[in-house]
Amino acid sequence: MPNRTVPPLTNWNLYQAKEVIWDALHMAREDILPPDSNGPNDDYWENVCTAMAWLQEAAGCEEIMDEDEEEDDEYRKYQLDWMESNTKD
C-alpha cells in the first residue's frame, strides 16, 4: 500500500476528513475502477466525483484548485472530448 500524506484526524476537522475519503477513493480508483476509455468505470468514477463535490459543498469544505490544477482539469476535459469525438463512428 502506498504511503499516504493525510495527517491524523483531529476533532471534527472536515477538511482532513475530506482528504481521508478522497485518499481512499483514489486507492479504489487505482485498484478496482481502472480508467476504461469512457466505459462504465469512467462513468461510475464521474458519479463518485460529482457526489463528493456535492457533499463537500454541503459541508462547506469545497476543493480549491490552484492554477496548475485548473489547467490540468481543463486539459483532461479537452482530452476526453477529443477521445469521444474521434471514437464515434
C-alpha atoms as a PDB file:
ATOM      1  CA  MET A   1       0.000   0.000   0.000  1.00  0.00           C
ATOM      2  CA  PRO A   2       1.464   3.398  -0.923  1.00  0.00           C
ATOM      3  CA  ASN A   3       2.318   5.913   1.770  1.00  0.00           C
ATOM      4  CA  ARG A   4      -0.451   8.446   2.279  1.00  0.00           C
ATOM      5  CA  THR A   5       0.206  12.056   3.220  1.00  0.00           C
ATOM      6  CA  VAL A   6      -3.055  12.735   5.050  1.00  0.00           C
ATOM      7  CA  PRO A   7      -2.396  13.822   8.639  1.00  0.00           C
ATOM      8  CA  PRO A   8      -4.178  12.059  11.515  1.00  0.00           C
ATOM      9  CA  LEU A   9      -7.743  13.222  12.013  1.00  0.00           C
ATOM     10  CA  THR A  10      -8.442  15.817  14.663  1.00  0.00           C
ATOM     11  CA  ASN A  11     -11.779  16.545  16.262  1.00  0.00           C
ATOM     12  CA  TRP A  12     -14.409  17.231  13.561  1.00  0.00           C
ATOM     13  CA  ASN A  13     -11.968  18.680  11.017  1.00  0.00           C
ATOM     14  CA  LEU A  14     -13.994  18.316   7.806  1.00  0.00           C
ATOM     15  CA  TYR A  15     -11.052  19.273   5.573  1.00  0.00           C
ATOM     16  CA  GLN A  16      -8.993  16.408   6.991  1.00  0.00           C
ATOM     17  CA  ALA A  17     -11.977  14.051   6.745  1.00  0.00           C
ATOM     18  CA  LYS A  18     -12.448  15.053   3.100  1.00  0.00           C
ATOM     19  CA  GLU A  19      -8.790  14.276   2.354  1.00  0.00           C
ATOM     20  CA  VAL A  20      -9.030  10.863   4.037  1.00  0.00           C
ATOM     21  CA  ILE A  21     -12.110   9.999   1.970  1.00  0.00           C
ATOM     22  CA  TRP A  22     -10.534  11.230  -1.288  1.00  0.00           C
ATOM     23  CA  ASP A  23      -7.418   9.227  -0.487  1.00  0.00           C
ATOM     24  CA  ALA A  24      -9.480   6.050  -0.089  1.00  0.00           C
ATOM     25  CA  LEU A  25     -11.480   6.793  -3.243  1.00  0.00           C
ATOM     26  CA  HIS A  26      -8.304   7.271  -5.284  1.00  0.00           C
ATOM     27  CA  MET A  27      -6.952   3.963  -3.967  1.00  0.00           C
ATOM     28  CA  ALA A  28     -10.198   2.299  -5.093  1.00  0.00           C
ATOM     29  CA  ARG A  29      -9.915   4.019  -8.470  1.00  0.00           C
ATOM     30  CA  GLU A  30      -6.407   2.636  -8.922  1.00  0.00           C
ATOM     31  CA  ASP A  31      -7.193  -0.872  -7.686  1.00  0.00           C
ATOM     32  CA  ILE A  32     -10.759  -1.720  -8.733  1.00  0.00           C
ATOM     33  CA  LEU A  33     -12.031   1.005 -11.090  1.00  0.00           C
ATOM     34  CA  PRO A  34      -9.271   1.472 -13.663  1.00  0.00           C
ATOM     35  CA  PRO A  35      -9.948   4.005 -16.433  1.00  0.00           C
ATOM     36  CA  ASP A  36     -11.590   2.368 -19.433  1.00  0.00           C
ATOM     37  CA  SER A  37     -11.867   4.982 -22.206  1.00  0.00           C
ATOM     38  CA  ASN A  38     -15.308   6.377 -21.363  1.00  0.00           C
ATOM     39  CA  GLY A  39     -16.685   2.978 -20.352  1.00  0.00           C
ATOM     40  CA  PRO A  40     -18.677   2.050 -17.256  1.00  0.00           C
ATOM     41  CA  ASN A  41     -15.740   2.526 -14.856  1.00  0.00           C
ATOM     42  CA  ASP A  42     -15.225   6.097 -16.044  1.00  0.00           C
ATOM     43  CA  ASP A  43     -18.957   6.796 -15.812  1.00  0.00           C
ATOM     44  CA  TYR A  44     -19.060   5.404 -12.282  1.00  0.00           C
ATOM     45  CA  TRP A  45     -15.966   7.407 -11.274  1.00  0.00           C
ATOM     46  CA  GLU A  46     -17.575  10.578 -12.641  1.00  0.00           C
ATOM     47  CA  ASN A  47     -20.628   9.900 -10.446  1.00  0.00           C
ATOM     48  CA  VAL A  48     -18.385   9.350  -7.408  1.00  0.00           C
ATOM     49  CA  CYS A  49     -16.607  12.659  -8.043  1.00  0.00           C
ATOM     50  CA  THR A  50     -19.910  14.508  -8.504  1.00  0.00           C
ATOM     51  CA  ALA A  51     -21.316  13.034  -5.292  1.00  0.00           C
ATOM     52  CA  MET A  52     -18.179  14.042  -3.387  1.00  0.00           C
ATOM     53  CA  ALA A  53     -18.375  17.571  -4.793  1.00  0.00           C
ATOM     54  CA  TRP A  54     -21.984  17.839  -3.583  1.00  0.00           C
ATOM     55  CA  LEU A  55     -21.023  16.567  -0.126  1.00  0.00           C
ATOM     56  CA  GLN A  56     -18.048  18.916   0.077  1.00  0.00           C
ATOM     57  CA  GLU A  57     -20.214  21.864  -0.883  1.00  0.00           C
ATOM     58  CA  ALA A  58     -22.871  20.913   1.675  1.00  0.00           C
ATOM     59  CA  ALA A  59     -20.196  20.585   4.361  1.00  0.00           C
ATOM     60  CA  GLY A  60     -18.539  23.863   3.335  1.00  0.00           C
ATOM     61  CA  CYS A  61     -15.195  22.277   2.507  1.00  0.00           C
ATOM     62  CA  GLU A  62     -15.082  22.555  -1.289  1.00  0.00           C
ATOM     63  CA  GLU A  63     -11.921  21.695  -3.151  1.00  0.00           C
ATOM     64  CA  ILE A  64      -9.937  24.810  -4.002  1.00  0.00           C
ATOM     65  CA  MET A  65      -7.815  24.253  -7.079  1.00  0.00           C
ATOM     66  CA  ASP A  66      -4.650  26.159  -7.667  1.00  0.00           C
ATOM     67  CA  GLU A  67      -3.886  27.487 -11.137  1.00  0.00           C
ATOM     68  CA  ASP A  68      -1.940  24.364 -12.217  1.00  0.00           C
ATOM     69  CA  GLU A  69      -4.761  22.034 -11.140  1.00  0.00           C
ATOM     70  CA  GLU A  70      -7.308  24.135 -13.046  1.00  0.00           C
ATOM     71  CA  GLU A  71      -5.159  23.899 -16.180  1.00  0.00           C
ATOM     72  CA  ASP A  72      -4.784  20.126 -15.691  1.00  0.00           C
ATOM     73  CA  ASP A  73      -8.562  19.795 -15.291  1.00  0.00           C
ATOM     74  CA  GLU A  74      -9.204  21.808 -18.462  1.00  0.00           C
ATOM     75  CA  TYR A  75      -6.651  19.694 -20.368  1.00  0.00           C
ATOM     76  CA  ARG A  76      -8.288  16.481 -19.095  1.00  0.00           C
ATOM     77  CA  LYS A  77     -11.676  17.706 -20.325  1.00  0.00           C
ATOM     78  CA  TYR A  78     -10.114  18.559 -23.699  1.00  0.00           C
ATOM     79  CA  GLN A  79      -8.611  15.052 -23.927  1.00  0.00           C
ATOM     80  CA  LEU A  80     -11.919  13.383 -23.066  1.00  0.00           C
ATOM     81  CA  ASP A  81     -13.779  15.498 -25.638  1.00  0.00           C
ATOM     82  CA  TRP A  82     -11.157  14.685 -28.272  1.00  0.00           C
ATOM     83  CA  MET A  83     -11.299  10.949 -27.491  1.00  0.00           C
ATOM     84  CA  GLU A  84     -15.084  10.975 -27.637  1.00  0.00           C
ATOM     85  CA  SER A  85     -15.223  12.794 -30.975  1.00  0.00           C
ATOM     86  CA  ASN A  86     -12.581  10.512 -32.514  1.00  0.00           C
ATOM     87  CA  THR A  87     -14.030   7.198 -31.374  1.00  0.00           C
ATOM     88  CA  LYS A  88     -17.589   7.690 -32.611  1.00  0.00           C
ATOM     89  CA  ASP A  89     -18.359   6.024 -35.910  1.00  0.00           C
END
